[in-house]
């Protein structure tokens, strides 16, 4: 767009920050729409895992993406399969990611129950 003439564009999921917000919002929207079509209430939907989630991987394979977002332990990965060192906008996945985060030794929840 020319708005930042000195900026250099890089391929998604290949830089020092993995920005997952767009994918997260699309996945959460599709998940909610699917369960709404099955006449599930918002409270019931909130308790449903993402399709494909198993074991430690809270997300699993997403049918409409051409790539994996997480590894078998649930960590976000870059395009080359290495773990992302920094992840931006992970909150777009809703509360499911917080359930996974709470199990990790590195996570300190400074606002328990306030992740809307």
Protein backbone atom coordinates (compact mmCIF):
# COMPACT_ATOMS: atom_id res chain seq x y z
CA UNK A 1 0.00 0.00 0.00
CA UNK A 2 3.02 2.27 0.29
CA UNK A 3 1.96 3.48 3.74
CA UNK A 4 5.26 2.35 5.26
CA UNK A 5 7.87 2.88 2.53
CA UNK A 6 10.74 1.57 4.69
CA UNK A 7 8.96 -1.54 5.94
CA UNK A 8 9.80 -4.95 4.53
CA UNK A 9 6.98 -7.47 4.16
CA UNK A 10 7.63 -11.04 5.26
CA UNK A 11 5.63 -14.21 4.75
CA UNK A 12 3.01 -15.00 7.41
CA UNK A 13 4.19 -17.24 10.25
CA UNK A 14 7.85 -16.74 9.37
CA UNK A 15 8.87 -13.76 11.46
CA UNK A 16 9.65 -13.23 15.10
CA UNK A 17 5.96 -12.68 15.90
CA UNK A 18 3.25 -15.11 14.80
CA UNK A 19 0.04 -13.08 14.48
CA UNK A 20 -2.83 -15.58 14.73
CA UNK A 21 -5.78 -13.22 15.18
CA UNK A 22 -7.42 -13.59 11.77
CA UNK A 23 -7.20 -17.39 11.85
CA UNK A 24 -8.44 -17.42 15.45
CA UNK A 25 -11.45 -15.25 14.69
CA UNK A 26 -12.38 -17.37 11.64
CA UNK A 27 -12.00 -20.64 13.55
CA UNK A 28 -14.04 -19.44 16.52
CA UNK A 29 -16.77 -18.07 14.24
CA UNK A 30 -16.98 -21.35 12.28
CA UNK A 31 -17.00 -23.37 15.52
CA UNK A 32 -19.85 -21.30 16.98
CA UNK A 33 -21.83 -21.37 13.74
CA UNK A 34 -21.52 -25.17 13.52
CA UNK A 35 -22.82 -25.73 17.06
CA UNK A 36 -25.57 -23.13 16.65
CA UNK A 37 -26.77 -25.12 13.63
CA UNK A 38 -27.06 -28.10 16.01
CA UNK A 39 -29.32 -25.99 18.27
CA UNK A 40 -26.74 -25.68 21.05
CA UNK A 41 -27.01 -22.78 23.49
CA UNK A 42 -24.10 -20.35 23.99
CA UNK A 43 -23.35 -22.04 27.34
CA UNK A 44 -23.25 -25.46 25.68
CA UNK A 45 -21.09 -24.16 22.82
CA UNK A 46 -18.61 -22.66 25.26
CA UNK A 47 -17.95 -26.15 26.68
CA UNK A 48 -17.37 -27.75 23.27
CA UNK A 49 -13.80 -28.37 22.19
CA UNK A 50 -12.69 -27.37 18.73
CA UNK A 51 -13.20 -30.15 16.18
CA UNK A 52 -9.98 -32.14 15.91
CA UNK A 53 -8.74 -31.25 19.40
CA UNK A 54 -7.23 -34.26 21.11
CA UNK A 55 -4.70 -34.93 23.83
CA UNK A 56 -2.69 -31.83 24.68
CA UNK A 57 -3.54 -30.14 21.38
CA UNK A 58 -6.46 -27.85 22.21
CA UNK A 59 -6.97 -26.86 18.55
CA UNK A 60 -6.18 -29.77 16.23
CA UNK A 61 -6.34 -29.68 12.44
CA UNK A 62 -8.67 -27.07 10.99
CA UNK A 63 -10.43 -28.34 7.88
CA UNK A 64 -10.49 -25.01 6.00
CA UNK A 65 -6.81 -24.15 6.58
CA UNK A 66 -4.02 -25.51 4.40
CA UNK A 67 -1.59 -25.61 7.32
CA UNK A 68 -1.32 -26.59 10.98
CA UNK A 69 -1.43 -23.81 13.56
CA UNK A 70 -0.34 -25.90 16.55
CA UNK A 71 1.88 -28.88 17.27
CA UNK A 72 0.84 -32.06 19.07
CA UNK A 73 1.33 -30.35 22.45
CA UNK A 74 -0.84 -27.34 21.55
CA UNK A 75 1.92 -24.78 20.98
CA UNK A 76 1.57 -22.43 18.02
CA UNK A 77 3.98 -23.18 15.19
CA UNK A 78 5.55 -21.22 12.36
CA UNK A 79 5.20 -22.17 8.69
CA UNK A 80 8.32 -24.37 8.94
CA UNK A 81 6.87 -26.32 11.91
CA UNK A 82 9.10 -24.74 14.55
CA UNK A 83 7.41 -23.38 17.67
CA UNK A 84 6.50 -19.72 17.57
CA UNK A 85 8.51 -17.69 20.06
CA UNK A 86 5.95 -14.92 20.32
CA UNK A 87 2.23 -15.10 19.51
CA UNK A 88 0.02 -12.06 18.97
CA UNK A 89 -3.80 -11.99 19.24
CA UNK A 90 -4.17 -15.53 20.62
CA UNK A 91 -7.23 -14.31 22.52
CA UNK A 92 -9.22 -14.48 19.26
CA UNK A 93 -9.60 -18.23 19.85
CA UNK A 94 -11.84 -17.60 22.85
CA UNK A 95 -11.70 -19.33 26.22
CA UNK A 96 -10.43 -22.67 24.90
CA UNK A 97 -6.89 -21.37 24.67
CA UNK A 98 -7.02 -20.15 28.28
CA UNK A 99 -7.92 -23.63 29.46
CA UNK A 100 -4.76 -24.89 27.72
CA UNK A 101 -2.66 -21.98 29.00
CA UNK A 102 -3.69 -22.59 32.62
CA UNK A 103 -2.08 -26.04 32.39
CA UNK A 104 1.30 -24.59 31.35
CA UNK A 105 3.94 -23.89 33.99
CA UNK A 106 4.99 -20.64 32.29
CA UNK A 107 1.52 -19.04 32.42
CA UNK A 108 0.45 -16.70 35.20
CA UNK A 109 -3.18 -15.58 34.96
CA UNK A 110 -3.32 -12.06 36.37
CA UNK A 111 -7.07 -11.70 35.73
CA UNK A 112 -8.73 -15.08 36.39
CA UNK A 113 -12.14 -15.32 34.74
CA UNK A 114 -11.77 -12.06 32.79
CA UNK A 115 -10.96 -13.21 29.25
CA UNK A 116 -13.92 -11.95 27.24
